[in-house]
Amino acid sequence: MKIKEKMHQKVAVLTLKGKLMGPPATKTLVEDVENLLEDGVTRVVLDLKHVNWINSLGVGAIIKALSRLNKAGGVLHLVGLTEKVRSVFVMSQLTKIIPINETIDEAIEELNKK
């Protein structure tokens, strides 16, 4: 798993590539979000278009990141979900608590309104 960070105004976009199925990827994701919070960044977009599979550990890492952001008054959005990854979020009903956008630009626009 590779994670690339890019700032768009006050929104951090983390682009993930590979499988999100446990350490070290899950640990790295949570640490990256914690580092953003330490830098004062509270609006995060996870771009998952290059994630070809996610399991319960990957979902847990995203929920942990969401929890850390929520505690800091922040927001997390997901974009670019493949059909396989989207099915995991739909079946677990996480689509009710984590906003999903189709594009990065759409997510950034929505987050910059907050």
PDB file of N, CA and C in Angstrom:
ATOM      1  N   MET A   1       0.847  -1.180   0.000  1.00  0.00           N
ATOM      2  CA  MET A   1       0.000   0.000   0.000  1.00  0.00           C
ATOM      3  C   MET A   1       0.887   1.235   0.000  1.00  0.00           C
ATOM      4  N   LYS A   2       0.585   2.129  -0.906  1.00  0.00           N
ATOM      5  CA  LYS A   2       1.271   3.416  -0.967  1.00  0.00           C
ATOM      6  C   LYS A   2       0.255   4.510  -0.681  1.00  0.00           C
ATOM      7  N   ILE A   3       0.686   5.537   0.054  1.00  0.00           N
ATOM      8  CA  ILE A   3      -0.186   6.670   0.357  1.00  0.00           C
ATOM      9  C   ILE A   3       0.533   7.944  -0.062  1.00  0.00           C
ATOM     10  N   LYS A   4      -0.150   8.714  -0.904  1.00  0.00           N
ATOM     11  CA  LYS A   4       0.394   9.982  -1.386  1.00  0.00           C
ATOM     12  C   LYS A   4      -0.482  11.112  -0.858  1.00  0.00           C
ATOM     13  N   GLU A   5       0.137  12.126  -0.296  1.00  0.00           N
ATOM     14  CA  GLU A   5      -0.604  13.258   0.277  1.00  0.00           C
ATOM     15  C   GLU A   5      -0.444  14.495  -0.592  1.00  0.00           C
ATOM     16  N   LYS A   6      -1.566  15.194  -0.786  1.00  0.00           N
ATOM     17  CA  LYS A   6      -1.539  16.459  -1.523  1.00  0.00           C
ATOM     18  C   LYS A   6      -2.533  17.413  -0.874  1.00  0.00           C
ATOM     19  N   MET A   7      -2.118  18.642  -0.672  1.00  0.00           N
ATOM     20  CA  MET A   7      -3.000  19.647  -0.076  1.00  0.00           C
ATOM     21  C   MET A   7      -3.711  20.431  -1.169  1.00  0.00           C
ATOM     22  N   HIS A   8      -4.997  20.662  -0.965  1.00  0.00           N
ATOM     23  CA  HIS A   8      -5.827  21.490  -1.837  1.00  0.00           C
ATOM     24  C   HIS A   8      -6.486  22.515  -0.923  1.00  0.00           C
ATOM     25  N   GLN A   9      -5.888  23.697  -0.844  1.00  0.00           N
ATOM     26  CA  GLN A   9      -6.308  24.733   0.098  1.00  0.00           C
ATOM     27  C   GLN A   9      -6.219  24.141   1.504  1.00  0.00           C
ATOM     28  N   LYS A  10      -7.333  24.018   2.218  1.00  0.00           N
ATOM     29  CA  LYS A  10      -7.305  23.501   3.582  1.00  0.00           C
ATOM     30  C   LYS A  10      -7.712  22.027   3.665  1.00  0.00           C
ATOM     31  N   VAL A  11      -7.760  21.368   2.515  1.00  0.00           N
ATOM     32  CA  VAL A  11      -8.181  19.971   2.460  1.00  0.00           C
ATOM     33  C   VAL A  11      -6.993  19.096   2.061  1.00  0.00           C
ATOM     34  N   ALA A  12      -6.754  18.053   2.856  1.00  0.00           N
ATOM     35  CA  ALA A  12      -5.711  17.080   2.521  1.00  0.00           C
ATOM     36  C   ALA A  12      -6.343  15.922   1.760  1.00  0.00           C
ATOM     37  N   VAL A  13      -5.742  15.572   0.634  1.00  0.00           N
ATOM     38  CA  VAL A  13      -6.196  14.418  -0.139  1.00  0.00           C
ATOM     39  C   VAL A  13      -5.136  13.336  -0.003  1.00  0.00           C
ATOM     40  N   LEU A  14      -5.539  12.212   0.569  1.00  0.00           N
ATOM     41  CA  LEU A  14      -4.652  11.066   0.690  1.00  0.00           C
ATOM     42  C   LEU A  14      -5.072  10.056  -0.370  1.00  0.00           C
ATOM     43  N   THR A  15      -4.184   9.811  -1.322  1.00  0.00           N
ATOM     44  CA  THR A  15      -4.457   8.849  -2.384  1.00  0.00           C
ATOM     45  C   THR A  15      -3.803   7.523  -2.011  1.00  0.00           C
ATOM     46  N   LEU A  16      -4.623   6.498  -1.876  1.00  0.00           N
ATOM     47  CA  LEU A  16      -4.148   5.183  -1.487  1.00  0.00           C
ATOM     48  C   LEU A  16      -4.061   4.299  -2.726  1.00  0.00           C
ATOM     49  N   LYS A  17      -3.031   3.461  -2.765  1.00  0.00           N
ATOM     50  CA  LYS A  17      -2.855   2.564  -3.903  1.00  0.00           C
ATOM     51  C   LYS A  17      -2.457   1.184  -3.407  1.00  0.00           C
ATOM     52  N   GLY A  18      -3.212   0.172  -3.813  1.00  0.00           N
ATOM     53  CA  GLY A  18      -2.924  -1.201  -3.413  1.00  0.00           C
ATOM     54  C   GLY A  18      -4.079  -1.794  -2.627  1.00  0.00           C
ATOM     55  N   LYS A  19      -3.746  -2.696  -1.712  1.00  0.00           N
ATOM     56  CA  LYS A  19      -4.752  -3.340  -0.869  1.00  0.00           C
ATOM     57  C   LYS A  19      -4.678  -2.757   0.536  1.00  0.00           C
ATOM     58  N   LEU A  20      -5.835  -2.486   1.112  1.00  0.00           N
ATOM     59  CA  LEU A  20      -5.911  -1.974   2.483  1.00  0.00           C
ATOM     60  C   LEU A  20      -6.440  -3.120   3.344  1.00  0.00           C
ATOM     61  N   MET A  21      -5.497  -3.961   3.791  1.00  0.00           N
ATOM     62  CA  MET A  21      -5.906  -5.206   4.447  1.00  0.00           C
ATOM     63  C   MET A  21      -5.130  -5.504   5.726  1.00  0.00           C
ATOM     64  N   GLY A  22      -4.606  -4.511   6.395  1.00  0.00           N
ATOM     65  CA  GLY A  22      -3.895  -4.755   7.648  1.00  0.00           C
ATOM     66  C   GLY A  22      -2.559  -4.036   7.669  1.00  0.00           C
ATOM     67  N   PRO A  23      -1.836  -4.234   8.785  1.00  0.00           N
ATOM     68  CA  PRO A  23      -0.526  -3.597   8.902  1.00  0.00           C
ATOM     69  C   PRO A  23       0.402  -4.064   7.780  1.00  0.00           C
ATOM     70  N   PRO A  24       1.308  -3.203   7.368  1.00  0.00           N
ATOM     71  CA  PRO A  24       1.574  -1.857   7.879  1.00  0.00           C
ATOM     72  C   PRO A  24       0.678  -0.775   7.273  1.00  0.00           C
ATOM     73  N   ALA A  25      -0.097  -1.097   6.228  1.00  0.00           N
ATOM     74  CA  ALA A  25      -0.905  -0.080   5.538  1.00  0.00           C
ATOM     75  C   ALA A  25      -1.906   0.594   6.463  1.00  0.00           C
ATOM     76  N   THR A  26      -2.610  -0.191   7.266  1.00  0.00           N
ATOM     77  CA  THR A  26      -3.634   0.388   8.139  1.00  0.00           C
ATOM     78  C   THR A  26      -3.011   1.300   9.189  1.00  0.00           C
ATOM     79  N   LYS A  27      -1.868   0.894   9.711  1.00  0.00           N
ATOM     80  CA  LYS A  27      -1.178   1.712  10.711  1.00  0.00           C
ATOM     81  C   LYS A  27      -0.697   3.021  10.092  1.00  0.00           C
ATOM     82  N   THR A  28      -0.158   2.929   8.889  1.00  0.00           N
ATOM     83  CA  THR A  28       0.334   4.116   8.187  1.00  0.00           C
ATOM     84  C   THR A  28      -0.795   5.103   7.912  1.00  0.00           C
ATOM     85  N   LEU A  29      -1.940   4.599   7.500  1.00  0.00           N
ATOM     86  CA  LEU A  29      -3.086   5.473   7.221  1.00  0.00           C
ATOM     87  C   LEU A  29      -3.479   6.260   8.467  1.00  0.00           C
ATOM     88  N   VAL A  30      -3.633   5.578   9.583  1.00  0.00           N
ATOM     89  CA  VAL A  30      -4.025   6.251  10.829  1.00  0.00           C
ATOM     90  C   VAL A  30      -2.947   7.251  11.259  1.00  0.00           C
ATOM     91  N   GLU A  31      -1.681   6.870  11.144  1.00  0.00           N
ATOM     92  CA  GLU A  31      -0.590   7.783  11.507  1.00  0.00           C
ATOM     93  C   GLU A  31      -0.580   9.022  10.615  1.00  0.00           C
ATOM     94  N   ASP A  32      -0.853   8.839   9.319  1.00  0.00           N
ATOM     95  CA  ASP A  32      -0.892   9.985   8.406  1.00  0.00           C
ATOM     96  C   ASP A  32      -1.996  10.967   8.806  1.00  0.00           C
ATOM     97  N   VAL A  33      -3.157  10.442   9.180  1.00  0.00           N
ATOM     98  CA  VAL A  33      -4.261  11.307   9.617  1.00  0.00           C
ATOM     99  C   VAL A  33      -3.892  12.008  10.925  1.00  0.00           C
ATOM    100  N   GLU A  34      -3.275  11.287  11.848  1.00  0.00           N
ATOM    101  CA  GLU A  34      -2.847  11.907  13.108  1.00  0.00           C
ATOM    102  C   GLU A  34      -1.828  13.020  12.851  1.00  0.00           C
ATOM    103  N   ASN A  35      -0.912  12.807  11.916  1.00  0.00           N
ATOM    104  CA  ASN A  35       0.070  13.838  11.572  1.00  0.00           C
ATOM    105  C   ASN A  35      -0.605  15.072  10.968  1.00  0.00           C
ATOM    106  N   LEU A  36      -1.621  14.850  10.138  1.00  0.00           N
ATOM    107  CA  LEU A  36      -2.366  15.978   9.581  1.00  0.00           C
ATOM    108  C   LEU A  36      -3.042  16.769  10.698  1.00  0.00           C
ATOM    109  N   LEU A  37      -3.633  16.067  11.658  1.00  0.00           N
ATOM    110  CA  LEU A  37      -4.290  16.739  12.784  1.00  0.00           C
ATOM    111  C   LEU A  37      -3.283  17.559  13.587  1.00  0.00           C
ATOM    112  N   GLU A  38      -2.091  17.006  13.796  1.00  0.00           N
ATOM    113  CA  GLU A  38      -1.049  17.749  14.510  1.00  0.00           C
ATOM    114  C   GLU A  38      -0.662  19.026  13.774  1.00  0.00           C
ATOM    115  N   ASP A  39      -0.776  18.985  12.444  1.00  0.00           N
ATOM    116  CA  ASP A  39      -0.468  20.163  11.620  1.00  0.00           C
ATOM    117  C   ASP A  39      -1.665  21.097  11.471  1.00  0.00           C
ATOM    118  N   GLY A  40      -2.779  20.765  12.134  1.00  0.00           N
ATOM    119  CA  GLY A  40      -3.952  21.624  12.092  1.00  0.00           C
ATOM    120  C   GLY A  40      -4.896  21.351  10.932  1.00  0.00           C
ATOM    121  N   VAL A  41      -4.672  20.281  10.189  1.00  0.00           N
ATOM    122  CA  VAL A  41      -5.537  19.926   9.059  1.00  0.00           C
ATOM    123  C   VAL A  41      -6.655  19.022   9.574  1.00  0.00           C
ATOM    124  N   THR A  42      -7.903  19.464   9.386  1.00  0.00           N
ATOM    125  CA  THR A  42      -9.044  18.699   9.913  1.00  0.00           C
ATOM    126  C   THR A  42     -10.020  18.253   8.823  1.00  0.00           C
ATOM    127  N   ARG A  43      -9.711  18.548   7.570  1.00  0.00           N
ATOM    128  CA  ARG A  43     -10.564  18.130   6.446  1.00  0.00           C
ATOM    129  C   ARG A  43      -9.747  17.193   5.563  1.00  0.00           C
ATOM    130  N   VAL A  44     -10.211  15.951   5.477  1.00  0.00           N
ATOM    131  CA  VAL A  44      -9.432  14.931   4.773  1.00  0.00           C
ATOM    132  C   VAL A  44     -10.308  14.184   3.774  1.00  0.00           C
ATOM    133  N   VAL A  45      -9.749  13.954   2.601  1.00  0.00           N
ATOM    134  CA  VAL A  45     -10.383  13.134   1.572  1.00  0.00           C
ATOM    135  C   VAL A  45      -9.499  11.914   1.363  1.00  0.00           C
ATOM    136  N   LEU A  46     -10.099  10.736   1.429  1.00  0.00           N
ATOM    137  CA  LEU A  46      -9.383   9.519   1.084  1.00  0.00           C
ATOM    138  C   LEU A  46      -9.783   9.128  -0.334  1.00  0.00           C
ATOM    139  N   ASP A  47      -8.818   9.156  -1.226  1.00  0.00           N
ATOM    140  CA  ASP A  47      -9.045   8.763  -2.619  1.00  0.00           C
ATOM    141  C   ASP A  47      -8.730   7.268  -2.724  1.00  0.00           C
ATOM    142  N   LEU A  48      -9.766   6.472  -2.936  1.00  0.00           N
ATOM    143  CA  LEU A  48      -9.622   5.021  -2.950  1.00  0.00           C
ATOM    144  C   LEU A  48      -9.720   4.414  -4.353  1.00  0.00           C
ATOM    145  N   LYS A  49      -9.589   5.237  -5.388  1.00  0.00           N
ATOM    146  CA  LYS A  49      -9.782   4.706  -6.744  1.00  0.00           C
ATOM    147  C   LYS A  49      -8.734   3.661  -7.126  1.00  0.00           C
ATOM    148  N   HIS A  50      -7.580   3.672  -6.467  1.00  0.00           N
ATOM    149  CA  HIS A  50      -6.537   2.689  -6.759  1.00  0.00           C
ATOM    150  C   HIS A  50      -6.446   1.596  -5.688  1.00  0.00           C
ATOM    151  N   VAL A  51      -7.448   1.525  -4.826  1.00  0.00           N
ATOM    152  CA  VAL A  51      -7.507   0.450  -3.829  1.00  0.00           C
ATOM    153  C   VAL A  51      -8.346  -0.664  -4.443  1.00  0.00           C
ATOM    154  N   ASN A  52      -7.695  -1.794  -4.682  1.00  0.00           N
ATOM    155  CA  ASN A  52      -8.415  -2.873  -5.340  1.00  0.00           C
ATOM    156  C   ASN A  52      -9.102  -3.830  -4.372  1.00  0.00           C
ATOM    157  N   TRP A  53      -8.777  -3.755  -3.098  1.00  0.00           N
ATOM    158  CA  TRP A  53      -9.512  -4.543  -2.116  1.00  0.00           C
ATOM    159  C   TRP A  53      -9.294  -3.976  -0.718  1.00  0.00           C
ATOM    160  N   ILE A  54     -10.311  -4.165   0.118  1.00  0.00           N
ATOM    161  CA  ILE A  54     -10.262  -3.725   1.508  1.00  0.00           C
ATOM    162  C   ILE A  54     -10.943  -4.798   2.348  1.00  0.00           C
ATOM    163  N   ASN A  55     -10.390  -5.073   3.520  1.00  0.00           N
ATOM    164  CA  ASN A  55     -11.026  -6.030   4.423  1.00  0.00           C
ATOM    165  C   ASN A  55     -11.420  -5.314   5.716  1.00  0.00           C
ATOM    166  N   SER A  56     -11.802  -6.093   6.716  1.00  0.00           N
ATOM    167  CA  SER A  56     -12.289  -5.488   7.962  1.00  0.00           C
ATOM    168  C   SER A  56     -11.209  -4.653   8.656  1.00  0.00           C
ATOM    169  N   LEU A  57      -9.950  -5.049   8.536  1.00  0.00           N
ATOM    170  CA  LEU A  57      -8.879  -4.251   9.136  1.00  0.00           C
ATOM    171  C   LEU A  57      -8.736  -2.903   8.430  1.00  0.00           C
ATOM    172  N   GLY A  58      -8.905  -2.914   7.119  1.00  0.00           N
ATOM    173  CA  GLY A  58      -8.861  -1.662   6.358  1.00  0.00           C
ATOM    174  C   GLY A  58     -10.018  -0.753   6.707  1.00  0.00           C
ATOM    175  N   VAL A  59     -11.206  -1.334   6.808  1.00  0.00           N
ATOM    176  CA  VAL A  59     -12.384  -0.565   7.213  1.00  0.00           C
ATOM    177  C   VAL A  59     -12.178  -0.013   8.614  1.00  0.00           C
ATOM    178  N   GLY A  60     -11.615  -0.829   9.495  1.00  0.00           N
ATOM    179  CA  GLY A  60     -11.341  -0.383  10.867  1.00  0.00           C
ATOM    180  C   GLY A  60     -10.393   0.799  10.908  1.00  0.00           C
ATOM    181  N   ALA A  61      -9.383   0.792  10.045  1.00  0.00           N
ATOM    182  CA  ALA A  61      -8.433   1.912   9.997  1.00  0.00           C
ATOM    183  C   ALA A  61      -9.125   3.190   9.532  1.00  0.00           C
ATOM    184  N   ILE A  62     -10.029   3.064   8.562  1.00  0.00           N
ATOM    185  CA  ILE A  62     -10.774   4.237   8.089  1.00  0.00           C
ATOM    186  C   ILE A  62     -11.689   4.758   9.182  1.00  0.00           C
ATOM    187  N   ILE A  63     -12.325   3.859   9.921  1.00  0.00           N
ATOM    188  CA  ILE A  63     -13.188   4.272  11.029  1.00  0.00           C
ATOM    189  C   ILE A  63     -12.357   4.932  12.131  1.00  0.00           C
ATOM    190  N   LYS A  64     -11.183   4.407  12.393  1.00  0.00           N
ATOM    191  CA  LYS A  64     -10.301   5.019  13.403  1.00  0.00           C
ATOM    192  C   LYS A  64      -9.888   6.424  12.962  1.00  0.00           C
ATOM    193  N   ALA A  65      -9.554   6.569  11.689  1.00  0.00           N
ATOM    194  CA  ALA A  65      -9.201   7.891  11.156  1.00  0.00           C
ATOM    195  C   ALA A  65     -10.390   8.840  11.272  1.00  0.00           C
ATOM    196  N   LEU A  66     -11.580   8.345  10.928  1.00  0.00           N
ATOM    197  CA  LEU A  66     -12.812   9.141  11.049  1.00  0.00           C
ATOM    198  C   LEU A  66     -13.029   9.577  12.494  1.00  0.00           C
ATOM    199  N   SER A  67     -12.848   8.658  13.418  1.00  0.00           N
ATOM    200  CA  SER A  67     -13.036   8.956  14.840  1.00  0.00           C
ATOM    201  C   SER A  67     -12.067  10.042  15.319  1.00  0.00           C
ATOM    202  N   ARG A  68     -10.813   9.921  14.926  1.00  0.00           N
ATOM    203  CA  ARG A  68      -9.808  10.920  15.324  1.00  0.00           C
ATOM    204  C   ARG A  68     -10.157  12.293  14.747  1.00  0.00           C
ATOM    205  N   LEU A  69     -10.585  12.311  13.497  1.00  0.00           N
ATOM    206  CA  LEU A  69     -10.976  13.572  12.875  1.00  0.00           C
ATOM    207  C   LEU A  69     -12.208  14.160  13.548  1.00  0.00           C
ATOM    208  N   ASN A  70     -13.209  13.330  13.821  1.00  0.00           N
ATOM    209  CA  ASN A  70     -14.431  13.809  14.474  1.00  0.00           C
ATOM    210  C   ASN A  70     -14.134  14.420  15.833  1.00  0.00           C
ATOM    211  N   LYS A  71     -13.253  13.784  16.607  1.00  0.00           N
ATOM    212  CA  LYS A  71     -12.888  14.300  17.936  1.00  0.00           C
ATOM    213  C   LYS A  71     -12.244  15.674  17.847  1.00  0.00           C
ATOM    214  N   ALA A  72     -11.559  15.929  16.721  1.00  0.00           N
ATOM    215  CA  ALA A  72     -10.891  17.213  16.518  1.00  0.00           C
ATOM    216  C   ALA A  72     -11.792  18.201  15.777  1.00  0.00           C
ATOM    217  N   GLY A  73     -13.056  17.832  15.576  1.00  0.00           N
ATOM    218  CA  GLY A  73     -13.975  18.706  14.861  1.00  0.00           C
ATOM    219  C   GLY A  73     -13.783  18.639  13.355  1.00  0.00           C
ATOM    220  N   GLY A  74     -13.140  17.587  12.893  1.00  0.00           N
ATOM    221  CA  GLY A  74     -12.841  17.453  11.473  1.00  0.00           C
ATOM    222  C   GLY A  74     -13.840  16.610  10.719  1.00  0.00           C
ATOM    223  N   VAL A  75     -13.540  16.427   9.427  1.00  0.00           N
ATOM    224  CA  VAL A  75     -14.442  15.726   8.520  1.00  0.00           C
ATOM    225  C   VAL A  75     -13.619  14.824   7.602  1.00  0.00           C
ATOM    226  N   LEU A  76     -14.190  13.671   7.281  1.00  0.00           N
ATOM    227  CA  LEU A  76     -13.571  12.734   6.348  1.00  0.00           C
ATOM    228  C   LEU A  76     -14.555  12.408   5.235  1.00  0.00           C
ATOM    229  N   HIS A  77     -14.074  12.464   3.992  1.00  0.00           N
ATOM    230  CA  HIS A  77     -14.868  12.057   2.831  1.00  0.00           C
ATOM    231  C   HIS A  77     -14.102  10.988   2.073  1.00  0.00           C
ATOM    232  N   LEU A  78     -14.816  10.112   1.405  1.00  0.00           N
ATOM    233  CA  LEU A  78     -14.220   9.095   0.552  1.00  0.00           C
ATOM    234  C   LEU A  78     -14.568   9.401  -0.894  1.00  0.00           C
ATOM    235  N   VAL A  79     -13.629   9.106  -1.802  1.00  0.00           N
ATOM    236  CA  VAL A  79     -13.900   9.264  -3.230  1.00  0.00           C
ATOM    237  C   VAL A  79     -13.306   8.081  -3.994  1.00  0.00           C
ATOM    238  N   GLY A  80     -13.822   7.896  -5.207  1.00  0.00           N
ATOM    239  CA  GLY A  80     -13.239   6.939  -6.130  1.00  0.00           C
ATOM    240  C   GLY A  80     -13.373   5.482  -5.737  1.00  0.00           C
ATOM    241  N   LEU A  81     -14.461   5.126  -5.086  1.00  0.00           N
ATOM    242  CA  LEU A  81     -14.614   3.739  -4.658  1.00  0.00           C
ATOM    243  C   LEU A  81     -14.901   2.830  -5.852  1.00  0.00           C
ATOM    244  N   THR A  82     -14.102   1.766  -5.971  1.00  0.00           N
ATOM    245  CA  THR A  82     -14.383   0.768  -6.988  1.00  0.00           C
ATOM    246  C   THR A  82     -15.636   0.009  -6.577  1.00  0.00           C
ATOM    247  N   GLU A  83     -16.177  -0.764  -7.483  1.00  0.00           N
ATOM    248  CA  GLU A  83     -17.394  -1.520  -7.175  1.00  0.00           C
ATOM    249  C   GLU A  83     -17.187  -2.465  -5.987  1.00  0.00           C
ATOM    250  N   LYS A  84     -16.029  -3.149  -5.944  1.00  0.00           N
ATOM    251  CA  LYS A  84     -15.738  -4.075  -4.837  1.00  0.00           C
ATOM    252  C   LYS A  84     -15.662  -3.337  -3.502  1.00  0.00           C
ATOM    253  N   VAL A  85     -14.926  -2.225  -3.499  1.00  0.00           N
ATOM    254  CA  VAL A  85     -14.741  -1.464  -2.253  1.00  0.00           C
ATOM    255  C   VAL A  85     -16.064  -0.834  -1.830  1.00  0.00           C
ATOM    256  N   ARG A  86     -16.810  -0.290  -2.774  1.00  0.00           N
ATOM    257  CA  ARG A  86     -18.105   0.314  -2.457  1.00  0.00           C
ATOM    258  C   ARG A  86     -19.040  -0.718  -1.818  1.00  0.00           C
ATOM    259  N   SER A  87     -19.009  -1.943  -2.310  1.00  0.00           N
ATOM    260  CA  SER A  87     -19.901  -2.976  -1.762  1.00  0.00           C
ATOM    261  C   SER A  87     -19.612  -3.239  -0.287  1.00  0.00           C
ATOM    262  N   VAL A  88     -18.354  -3.150   0.111  1.00  0.00           N
ATOM    263  CA  VAL A  88     -17.999  -3.334   1.524  1.00  0.00           C
ATOM    264  C   VAL A  88     -18.623  -2.233   2.372  1.00  0.00           C
ATOM    265  N   PHE A  89     -18.556  -0.989   1.890  1.00  0.00           N
ATOM    266  CA  PHE A  89     -19.115   0.134   2.642  1.00  0.00           C
ATOM    267  C   PHE A  89     -20.645   0.113   2.649  1.00  0.00           C
ATOM    268  N   VAL A  90     -21.242  -0.331   1.563  1.00  0.00           N
ATOM    269  CA  VAL A  90     -22.706  -0.415   1.506  1.00  0.00           C
ATOM    270  C   VAL A  90     -23.214  -1.523   2.432  1.00  0.00           C
ATOM    271  N   MET A  91     -22.594  -2.706   2.361  1.00  0.00           N
ATOM    272  CA  MET A  91     -23.039  -3.837   3.193  1.00  0.00           C
ATOM    273  C   MET A  91     -22.885  -3.553   4.674  1.00  0.00           C
ATOM    274  N   SER A  92     -21.831  -2.835   5.030  1.00  0.00           N
ATOM    275  CA  SER A  92     -21.602  -2.514   6.445  1.00  0.00           C
ATOM    276  C   SER A  92     -22.346  -1.254   6.876  1.00  0.00           C
ATOM    277  N   GLN A  93     -23.075  -0.645   5.957  1.00  0.00           N
ATOM    278  CA  GLN A  93     -23.869   0.567   6.184  1.00  0.00           C
ATOM    279  C   GLN A  93     -23.035   1.772   6.614  1.00  0.00           C
ATOM    280  N   LEU A  94     -21.760   1.741   6.288  1.00  0.00           N
ATOM    281  CA  LEU A  94     -20.890   2.877   6.609  1.00  0.00           C
ATOM    282  C   LEU A  94     -21.157   4.078   5.709  1.00  0.00           C
ATOM    283  N   THR A  95     -21.882   3.851   4.624  1.00  0.00           N
ATOM    284  CA  THR A  95     -22.251   4.964   3.746  1.00  0.00           C
ATOM    285  C   THR A  95     -23.167   5.945   4.463  1.00  0.00           C
ATOM    286  N   LYS A  96     -23.750   5.517   5.585  1.00  0.00           N
ATOM    287  CA  LYS A  96     -24.618   6.404   6.368  1.00  0.00           C
ATOM    288  C   LYS A  96     -23.826   7.364   7.246  1.00  0.00           C
ATOM    289  N   ILE A  97     -22.553   7.033   7.530  1.00  0.00           N
ATOM    290  CA  ILE A  97     -21.772   7.893   8.427  1.00  0.00           C
ATOM    291  C   ILE A  97     -20.550   8.525   7.772  1.00  0.00           C
ATOM    292  N   ILE A  98     -20.145   7.988   6.614  1.00  0.00           N
ATOM    293  CA  ILE A  98     -19.002   8.563   5.901  1.00  0.00           C
ATOM    294  C   ILE A  98     -19.469   9.046   4.530  1.00  0.00           C
ATOM    295  N   PRO A  99     -19.382  10.343   4.284  1.00  0.00           N
ATOM    296  CA  PRO A  99     -19.790  10.855   2.973  1.00  0.00           C
ATOM    297  C   PRO A  99     -18.911  10.304   1.857  1.00  0.00           C
ATOM    298  N   ILE A 100     -19.550   9.926   0.762  1.00  0.00           N
ATOM    299  CA  ILE A 100     -18.838   9.421  -0.409  1.00  0.00           C
ATOM    300  C   ILE A 100     -19.139  10.328  -1.589  1.00  0.00           C
ATOM    301  N   ASN A 101     -18.082  10.819  -2.208  1.00  0.00           N
ATOM    302  CA  ASN A 101     -18.208  11.660  -3.393  1.00  0.00           C
ATOM    303  C   ASN A 101     -17.660  10.908  -4.595  1.00  0.00           C
ATOM    304  N   GLU A 102     -18.090  11.315  -5.775  1.00  0.00           N
ATOM    305  CA  GLU A 102     -17.616  10.654  -7.001  1.00  0.00           C
ATOM    306  C   GLU A 102     -16.218  11.119  -7.389  1.00  0.00           C
ATOM    307  N   THR A 103     -15.919  12.424  -7.171  1.00  0.00           N
ATOM    308  CA  THR A 103     -14.620  12.955  -7.583  1.00  0.00           C
ATOM    309  C   THR A 103     -13.950  13.714  -6.435  1.00  0.00           C
ATOM    310  N   ILE A 104     -12.656  13.888  -6.577  1.00  0.00           N
ATOM    311  CA  ILE A 104     -11.895  14.659  -5.588  1.00  0.00           C
ATOM    312  C   ILE A 104     -12.377  16.102  -5.584  1.00  0.00           C
ATOM    313  N   ASP A 105     -12.575  16.679  -6.768  1.00  0.00           N
ATOM    314  CA  ASP A 105     -13.022  18.076  -6.852  1.00  0.00           C
ATOM    315  C   ASP A 105     -14.359  18.284  -6.151  1.00  0.00           C
ATOM    316  N   GLU A 106     -15.266  17.336  -6.302  1.00  0.00           N
ATOM    317  CA  GLU A 106     -16.573  17.402  -5.645  1.00  0.00           C
ATOM    318  C   GLU A 106     -16.406  17.381  -4.122  1.00  0.00           C
ATOM    319  N   ALA A 107     -15.548  16.502  -3.630  1.00  0.00           N
ATOM    320  CA  ALA A 107     -15.306  16.405  -2.186  1.00  0.00           C
ATOM    321  C   ALA A 107     -14.660  17.673  -1.644  1.00  0.00           C
ATOM    322  N   ILE A 108     -13.673  18.182  -2.371  1.00  0.00           N
ATOM    323  CA  ILE A 108     -12.974  19.406  -1.929  1.00  0.00           C
ATOM    324  C   ILE A 108     -13.941  20.577  -1.884  1.00  0.00           C
ATOM    325  N   GLU A 109     -14.769  20.704  -2.911  1.00  0.00           N
ATOM    326  CA  GLU A 109     -15.752  21.787  -2.946  1.00  0.00           C
ATOM    327  C   GLU A 109     -16.699  21.700  -1.745  1.00  0.00           C
ATOM    328  N   GLU A 110     -17.168  20.510  -1.457  1.00  0.00           N
ATOM    329  CA  GLU A 110     -18.081  20.322  -0.318  1.00  0.00           C
ATOM    330  C   GLU A 110     -17.375  20.623   1.009  1.00  0.00           C
ATOM    331  N   LEU A 111     -16.136  20.169   1.159  1.00  0.00           N
ATOM    332  CA  LEU A 111     -15.402  20.396   2.408  1.00  0.00           C
ATOM    333  C   LEU A 111     -15.017  21.856   2.590  1.00  0.00           C
ATOM    334  N   ASN A 112     -14.760  22.572   1.526  1.00  0.00           N
ATOM    335  CA  ASN A 112     -14.394  23.981   1.644  1.00  0.00           C
ATOM    336  C   ASN A 112     -15.583  24.857   2.022  1.00  0.00           C
ATOM    337  N   LYS A 113     -16.799  24.317   1.919  1.00  0.00           N
ATOM    338  CA  LYS A 113     -17.994  25.049   2.339  1.00  0.00           C
ATOM    339  C   LYS A 113     -18.169  24.987   3.851  1.00  0.00           C
ATOM    340  N   LYS A 114     -17.506  24.046   4.501  1.00  0.00           N
ATOM    341  CA  LYS A 114     -17.690  23.853   5.944  1.00  0.00           C
ATOM    342  C   LYS A 114     -16.776  24.718   6.748  1.00  0.00           C
TER     343      LYS A 114
END
